[in-house]
Amino acid sequence: MAPSVATLAPPAEQPFLLSKKNGTVIDKVAFDVSENYEGNYRFAPIEEAQVSRAMIKRYFNTMYERAVSDVVIIGAGSAGLSCAYHLATSRPDLKITIIEANVAPGGGAWLGGQLMTPMVVRKPADRFLTEIGVPFEDEGPFVVVKHAALFTSTVLSRVLALPNVVLMNATAVEDLIVREDFQGRQRVAGVVTNWTLVALNHDTQSCMDPNVITAPVVVTATGHDGPMGAFSAKRLVSMGLLKELGNMRGLDMNRAEPAIVNGTREVAPGLIMTGMELSEHDGSNRMGPTFGAMMASGVKAAREAIRIFESAQIVDGKVVG
C-alpha cells in the first residue's frame, strides 16, 4: 500500500517558503509529507530561523501582553494549579499568569510520601479530583489516586488548555511590587521576576536587573520553607509588613489540613496566601503526605480573588477604590 501523503499549508510565520511580489503573498507552497514508519517518514521542510522566530514571537508577545495581568499566581504546585483551574474556569474574563521557578511545574505533587507513588486525598476534597477527571479508589474517609503524577499531569494539562491562563516556568519571583493604595495602605501590586538561572547567579555576575508584572491580585503558593519556599511570607517580614513568621509546627494531619484551608486568605492588601506557605506564615502544623488541603486551599484562594474583583474598583490593573 502506498504511504499516506498529506498536504499542509505553511503557517503564517514561514516567509522563506512563500512566493511574494512587492511584499504580497501570491502563492502558498504545499508540502509533500509522509507518515510512513517503514523507512520513508518525511517531514515538511523548515529553516532554523523559523523555529527561533516561532518561539520568540509567541513568548515575547505573551510577556508584553501579561505585563499587566489580572491575577499573578506565584508557584505551580498543587495549591497554585488548583487555584488557577478554579479561578480561570469561574472567571474566564480574567488574565491569570502563573510564575513557576522550576523548569517542571507541579511542586511536590509528583509523588506521595517517602518517594512512593500513590496520592492520598481526604474527603471532601475528592470532589475536585472528580471535577478534573482523575480516577481514584475509595477507602471510606479518603481516596487514593494510583500515582500522584496522574493528578499533577491532569490538573496541569487542564490549566494550560484554558485560554486565559499563561504559565511562565523557569521564572523566579525575586520581589513583590508594593505601592501605597488609595487608603494609604501598603498594597502588593505585582511581582518582580527574573529567569531562575539568573536569580540563582546574582552573586557570580554583575548586576542583572529584573522584569515586572503588575496585577491587582497576587496569589502566593510557594510552599513551606525551602530553597525558594515561603518566599512571600519571608518577604513580608523583611519589608516590615509582618512582625515575624509563625514557623511551621510538627506533623498533625487532623489539625493541619483544616487549618490550611480555613486560613487561606488575603494576608496583606493585594496578597492572598494559599497552601503550605500558610504554615510558615501562621505557625500551623505540617500535614505530610496527604493532599486534599492543597486542592481545597487553592479553590478557596480562587474564591478570595473573585471576592476582591467583585468588591474593588480596578482600573488599568490597579485597585483605585
Protein backbone atom coordinates (compact mmCIF):
# COMPACT_ATOMS: atom_id res chain seq x y z
CA MET A 1 0.00 0.00 0.00
CA ALA A 2 1.32 3.46 -0.87
CA PRO A 3 2.26 5.65 2.09
CA SER A 4 -0.26 8.29 3.12
CA VAL A 5 0.55 11.77 1.90
CA ALA A 6 -0.88 14.93 3.46
CA THR A 7 -0.85 18.42 2.01
CA LEU A 8 -0.11 21.08 4.62
CA ALA A 9 -0.36 24.83 4.21
CA PRO A 10 2.61 26.61 5.86
CA PRO A 11 1.87 28.74 8.94
CA ALA A 12 1.92 32.50 8.62
CA GLU A 13 5.41 32.91 10.08
CA GLN A 14 7.12 30.94 7.24
CA PRO A 15 8.21 33.72 4.85
CA PHE A 16 11.03 31.59 3.42
CA LEU A 17 8.51 29.21 1.84
CA LEU A 18 6.07 31.73 0.37
CA SER A 19 6.22 33.31 -3.07
CA LYS A 20 5.95 37.09 -2.72
CA LYS A 21 5.75 40.08 -5.05
CA ASN A 22 6.07 43.58 -3.64
CA GLY A 23 5.52 42.14 -0.16
CA THR A 24 2.26 40.41 -1.14
CA VAL A 25 1.88 36.64 -0.91
CA ILE A 26 0.90 35.36 -4.36
CA ASP A 27 1.32 31.61 -3.91
CA LYS A 28 1.35 29.23 -0.93
CA VAL A 29 3.64 26.23 -1.17
CA ALA A 30 2.21 22.78 -0.40
CA PHE A 31 4.46 20.27 1.33
CA ASP A 32 4.82 16.61 0.48
CA VAL A 33 4.96 14.79 3.83
CA SER A 34 4.67 11.12 4.63
CA GLU A 35 3.77 9.32 7.86
CA ASN A 36 5.43 6.09 6.79
CA TYR A 37 7.11 4.07 9.55
CA GLU A 38 8.73 1.60 7.14
CA GLY A 39 11.69 3.84 6.40
CA ASN A 40 10.04 6.65 4.44
CA TYR A 41 8.84 9.14 7.09
CA ARG A 42 9.14 12.66 5.63
CA PHE A 43 8.72 15.97 7.46
CA ALA A 44 7.77 19.31 5.99
CA PRO A 45 10.92 21.38 5.38
CA ILE A 46 11.91 24.06 7.85
CA GLU A 47 14.52 26.77 8.25
CA GLU A 48 16.30 27.07 11.60
CA ALA A 49 15.38 30.75 11.82
CA GLN A 50 11.69 29.83 11.57
CA VAL A 51 11.97 27.82 14.79
CA SER A 52 13.58 30.76 16.60
CA ARG A 53 11.03 33.22 15.27
CA ALA A 54 8.08 30.97 16.15
CA MET A 55 9.23 30.75 19.77
CA ILE A 56 10.39 34.35 20.18
CA LYS A 57 7.25 35.83 18.65
CA ARG A 58 4.90 33.92 20.94
CA TYR A 59 6.96 34.12 24.12
CA PHE A 60 7.67 37.82 23.99
CA ASN A 61 4.18 38.69 22.77
CA THR A 62 2.95 36.86 25.87
CA MET A 63 5.36 38.78 28.12
CA TYR A 64 4.21 42.05 26.55
CA GLU A 65 0.53 41.22 26.93
CA ARG A 66 0.87 39.92 30.51
CA ALA A 67 2.96 42.84 31.78
CA VAL A 68 -0.39 43.87 33.24
CA SER A 69 -2.26 40.79 34.45
CA ASP A 70 -5.44 40.44 36.49
CA VAL A 71 -4.05 37.76 38.80
CA VAL A 72 -0.50 36.52 39.27
CA ILE A 73 -0.08 33.14 40.95
CA ILE A 74 3.38 32.50 42.40
CA GLY A 75 4.07 28.78 42.31
CA ALA A 76 2.63 25.98 40.18
CA GLY A 77 2.38 23.28 42.83
CA SER A 78 -0.83 21.51 43.78
CA ALA A 79 -2.32 24.58 45.54
CA GLY A 80 -1.31 27.04 42.84
CA LEU A 81 -2.60 24.86 40.00
CA SER A 82 -5.86 24.13 41.82
CA CYS A 83 -6.31 27.86 42.34
CA ALA A 84 -5.59 28.58 38.69
CA TYR A 85 -8.10 25.98 37.48
CA HIS A 86 -10.95 27.14 39.70
CA LEU A 87 -10.28 30.81 39.09
CA ALA A 88 -9.87 30.52 35.32
CA THR A 89 -12.98 28.40 34.86
CA SER A 90 -15.07 30.58 37.19
CA ARG A 91 -13.87 33.86 35.68
CA PRO A 92 -12.81 33.30 32.06
CA ASP A 93 -12.59 37.08 31.66
CA LEU A 94 -9.55 37.32 33.95
CA LYS A 95 -5.97 37.16 32.69
CA ILE A 96 -4.21 34.71 35.01
CA THR A 97 -0.42 34.46 34.91
CA ILE A 98 1.39 31.68 36.79
CA ILE A 99 5.06 32.13 37.66
CA GLU A 100 6.98 28.92 38.47
CA ALA A 101 10.66 28.90 39.44
CA ASN A 102 11.32 25.30 38.41
CA VAL A 103 11.55 24.03 34.86
CA ALA A 104 9.00 21.33 35.77
CA PRO A 105 5.74 22.63 37.30
CA GLY A 106 3.95 20.55 39.92
CA GLY A 107 5.91 21.23 43.09
CA GLY A 108 5.97 18.24 45.45
CA ALA A 109 2.88 16.60 43.98
CA TRP A 110 4.61 14.21 41.58
CA LEU A 111 4.97 11.60 44.35
CA GLY A 112 3.27 10.67 47.61
CA GLY A 113 5.16 10.13 50.86
CA GLN A 114 8.77 8.89 51.06
CA LEU A 115 9.07 8.70 47.26
CA MET A 116 6.11 6.29 47.00
CA THR A 117 3.71 6.89 44.12
CA PRO A 118 0.11 6.74 45.48
CA MET A 119 -1.57 10.01 46.49
CA VAL A 120 -3.95 10.15 49.46
CA VAL A 121 -6.76 12.74 49.41
CA ARG A 122 -9.15 13.12 52.35
CA LYS A 123 -12.82 13.76 51.70
CA PRO A 124 -14.47 16.04 50.67
CA ALA A 125 -11.50 17.20 48.54
CA ASP A 126 -12.07 14.15 46.32
CA ARG A 127 -14.77 16.27 44.62
CA PHE A 128 -12.01 18.30 42.97
CA LEU A 129 -10.49 15.08 41.59
CA THR A 130 -13.88 14.18 40.12
CA GLU A 131 -14.25 17.66 38.63
CA ILE A 132 -10.97 17.45 36.71
CA GLY A 133 -11.41 13.78 35.81
CA VAL A 134 -8.84 11.98 37.98
CA PRO A 135 -9.87 8.39 38.90
CA PHE A 136 -9.29 7.04 42.41
CA GLU A 137 -10.00 4.17 44.79
CA ASP A 138 -12.44 4.94 47.61
CA GLU A 139 -11.18 3.98 51.06
CA GLY A 140 -14.08 5.45 53.06
CA PRO A 141 -12.84 8.68 54.70
CA PHE A 142 -10.23 9.18 51.99
CA VAL A 143 -9.46 8.22 48.40
CA VAL A 144 -6.25 7.08 46.77
CA VAL A 145 -5.02 8.13 43.32
CA LYS A 146 -2.86 5.34 41.90
CA HIS A 147 0.00 7.72 41.10
CA ALA A 148 0.42 11.31 42.27
CA ALA A 149 1.68 12.19 38.80
CA LEU A 150 -1.76 11.32 37.41
CA PHE A 151 -3.26 14.16 39.44
CA THR A 152 -0.48 16.62 38.70
CA SER A 153 -0.30 15.95 34.97
CA THR A 154 -4.10 16.12 34.70
CA VAL A 155 -4.58 19.40 36.55
CA LEU A 156 -1.60 20.88 34.72
CA SER A 157 -3.00 19.93 31.32
CA ARG A 158 -6.45 21.25 32.28
CA VAL A 159 -4.97 24.56 33.39
CA LEU A 160 -2.73 25.03 30.34
CA ALA A 161 -5.63 24.31 27.99
CA LEU A 162 -7.56 27.30 29.36
CA PRO A 163 -7.24 30.32 27.04
CA ASN A 164 -6.99 32.88 29.86
CA VAL A 165 -4.05 31.17 31.64
CA VAL A 166 -0.36 31.65 30.92
CA LEU A 167 2.41 29.70 32.66
CA MET A 168 5.94 31.09 32.79
CA ASN A 169 8.14 28.36 34.22
CA ALA A 170 11.88 28.56 34.86
CA THR A 171 11.00 32.07 36.07
CA ALA A 172 11.59 33.22 39.63
CA VAL A 173 9.78 35.88 41.63
CA GLU A 174 12.59 37.93 43.17
CA ASP A 175 10.43 40.50 44.93
CA LEU A 176 6.95 41.93 45.33
CA ILE A 177 5.79 45.29 43.98
CA VAL A 178 4.37 47.27 46.92
CA ARG A 179 2.61 50.60 46.49
CA GLU A 180 0.61 52.92 48.70
CA ASP A 181 -3.06 52.44 47.79
CA PHE A 182 -6.00 54.85 47.77
CA GLN A 183 -6.47 54.29 51.52
CA GLY A 184 -2.83 54.95 52.34
CA ARG A 185 -2.10 51.27 52.98
CA GLN A 186 0.88 49.35 51.65
CA ARG A 187 -0.57 47.12 48.92
CA VAL A 188 1.02 44.29 46.97
CA ALA A 189 0.56 45.31 43.35
CA GLY A 190 2.53 42.77 41.33
CA VAL A 191 5.75 40.78 41.18
CA VAL A 192 9.39 41.30 40.24
CA THR A 193 10.61 38.47 38.02
CA ASN A 194 13.78 37.10 36.52
CA TRP A 195 14.73 33.86 34.82
CA THR A 196 15.58 31.38 37.57
CA LEU A 197 19.09 30.73 36.29
CA VAL A 198 19.75 34.46 36.54
CA ALA A 199 18.20 34.67 40.02
CA LEU A 200 20.50 31.86 41.20
CA ASN A 201 23.61 33.61 39.88
CA HIS A 202 23.38 37.17 41.17
CA ASP A 203 26.46 36.51 43.32
CA THR A 204 28.54 35.30 40.38
CA GLN A 205 27.83 38.04 37.84
CA SER A 206 27.46 41.79 37.69
CA CYS A 207 24.04 43.34 38.18
CA MET A 208 21.30 41.61 36.18
CA ASP A 209 18.15 43.66 36.64
CA PRO A 210 14.70 42.03 36.69
CA ASN A 211 11.37 42.49 34.94
CA VAL A 212 7.99 43.32 36.48
CA ILE A 213 4.39 42.18 36.14
CA THR A 214 1.68 44.29 37.74
CA ALA A 215 -1.60 42.84 38.98
CA PRO A 216 -4.31 43.95 41.40
CA VAL A 217 -4.28 40.48 42.99
CA VAL A 218 -1.30 38.24 43.70
CA VAL A 219 -1.80 34.69 44.98
CA THR A 220 1.29 33.24 46.63
CA ALA A 221 1.61 29.45 46.73
CA THR A 222 5.33 28.90 47.22
CA GLY A 223 5.13 26.09 49.79
CA HIS A 224 6.81 25.68 53.15
CA ASP A 225 10.35 26.81 53.83
CA GLY A 226 12.96 25.61 51.35
CA PRO A 227 15.33 26.96 48.66
CA MET A 228 12.55 29.14 47.21
CA GLY A 229 9.78 28.17 49.61
CA ALA A 230 7.69 30.52 51.75
CA PHE A 231 9.08 33.36 49.65
CA SER A 232 6.27 35.86 50.13
CA ALA A 233 5.85 35.10 53.83
CA LYS A 234 9.55 35.76 54.44
CA ARG A 235 9.49 38.89 52.27
CA LEU A 236 6.56 40.32 54.25
CA VAL A 237 8.73 40.09 57.37
CA SER A 238 11.78 41.70 55.75
CA MET A 239 9.60 44.52 54.36
CA GLY A 240 8.07 45.20 57.77
CA LEU A 241 4.54 44.16 56.75
CA LEU A 242 4.62 41.14 59.10
CA LYS A 243 6.28 41.16 62.52
CA GLU A 244 7.60 37.60 62.38
CA LEU A 245 6.96 34.18 60.87
CA GLY A 246 4.76 31.78 62.78
CA ASN A 247 7.02 28.90 61.65
CA MET A 248 5.56 25.53 60.71
CA ARG A 249 4.73 23.21 63.60
CA GLY A 250 5.16 19.42 63.80
CA LEU A 251 3.08 16.98 61.79
CA ASP A 252 -0.57 16.53 62.71
CA MET A 253 -2.80 15.74 59.74
CA ASN A 254 -6.06 16.29 61.62
CA ARG A 255 -5.09 19.80 62.69
CA ALA A 256 -3.02 20.75 59.66
CA GLU A 257 -5.42 20.31 56.75
CA PRO A 258 -8.40 22.30 58.09
CA ALA A 259 -6.02 24.99 59.36
CA ILE A 260 -4.58 25.48 55.87
CA VAL A 261 -7.94 25.56 54.08
CA ASN A 262 -9.72 27.72 56.64
CA GLY A 263 -6.70 30.03 56.96
CA THR A 264 -6.44 30.73 53.23
CA ARG A 265 -6.98 34.47 52.94
CA GLU A 266 -5.69 37.88 51.94
CA VAL A 267 -2.77 38.15 54.39
CA ALA A 268 -1.81 41.63 53.20
CA PRO A 269 -3.67 44.00 50.90
CA GLY A 270 -3.47 42.50 47.41
CA LEU A 271 -1.73 39.29 48.54
CA ILE A 272 -3.64 36.02 49.02
CA MET A 273 -1.71 33.16 50.60
CA THR A 274 -2.54 29.50 49.93
CA GLY A 275 -1.12 26.04 50.55
CA MET A 276 1.78 25.17 52.82
CA GLU A 277 3.22 28.68 52.75
CA LEU A 278 0.47 29.45 55.26
CA SER A 279 2.01 27.02 57.75
CA GLU A 280 5.13 29.20 57.88
CA HIS A 281 3.10 32.43 57.99
CA ASP A 282 0.61 31.31 60.65
CA GLY A 283 2.57 28.68 62.59
CA SER A 284 0.24 25.80 61.78
CA ASN A 285 1.09 22.11 61.65
CA ARG A 286 2.57 20.27 58.69
CA MET A 287 0.39 17.57 57.17
CA GLY A 288 2.81 15.26 55.42
CA PRO A 289 1.69 13.06 52.50
CA THR A 290 -1.99 13.95 52.28
CA PHE A 291 -3.00 16.38 49.57
CA GLY A 292 -6.67 17.30 49.95
CA ALA A 293 -5.92 20.56 51.74
CA MET A 294 -3.72 21.72 48.86
CA MET A 295 -6.58 21.36 46.40
CA ALA A 296 -9.21 22.88 48.72
CA SER A 297 -6.91 25.73 49.76
CA GLY A 298 -6.29 26.52 46.10
CA VAL A 299 -10.03 26.63 45.44
CA LYS A 300 -10.55 28.93 48.43
CA ALA A 301 -7.75 31.21 47.23
CA ALA A 302 -9.52 31.48 43.88
CA ARG A 303 -12.74 32.42 45.66
CA GLU A 304 -10.90 35.06 47.68
CA ALA A 305 -9.53 36.52 44.45
CA ILE A 306 -13.01 36.60 42.92
CA ARG A 307 -14.30 38.35 46.04
CA ILE A 308 -11.71 41.11 45.57
CA PHE A 309 -12.67 41.57 41.92
CA GLU A 310 -16.34 41.75 42.85
CA SER A 311 -15.83 44.32 45.59
CA ALA A 312 -12.94 46.52 44.41
CA GLN A 313 -12.79 49.16 41.71
CA ILE A 314 -9.92 48.25 39.39
CA VAL A 315 -8.59 50.48 36.61
CA ASP A 316 -5.63 49.56 34.38
CA GLY A 317 -4.56 46.79 36.75
CA LYS A 318 -4.70 48.97 39.87
CA VAL A 319 -7.14 48.96 42.77
CA VAL A 320 -8.46 52.53 42.97
CA GLY A 321 -11.49 52.10 45.16
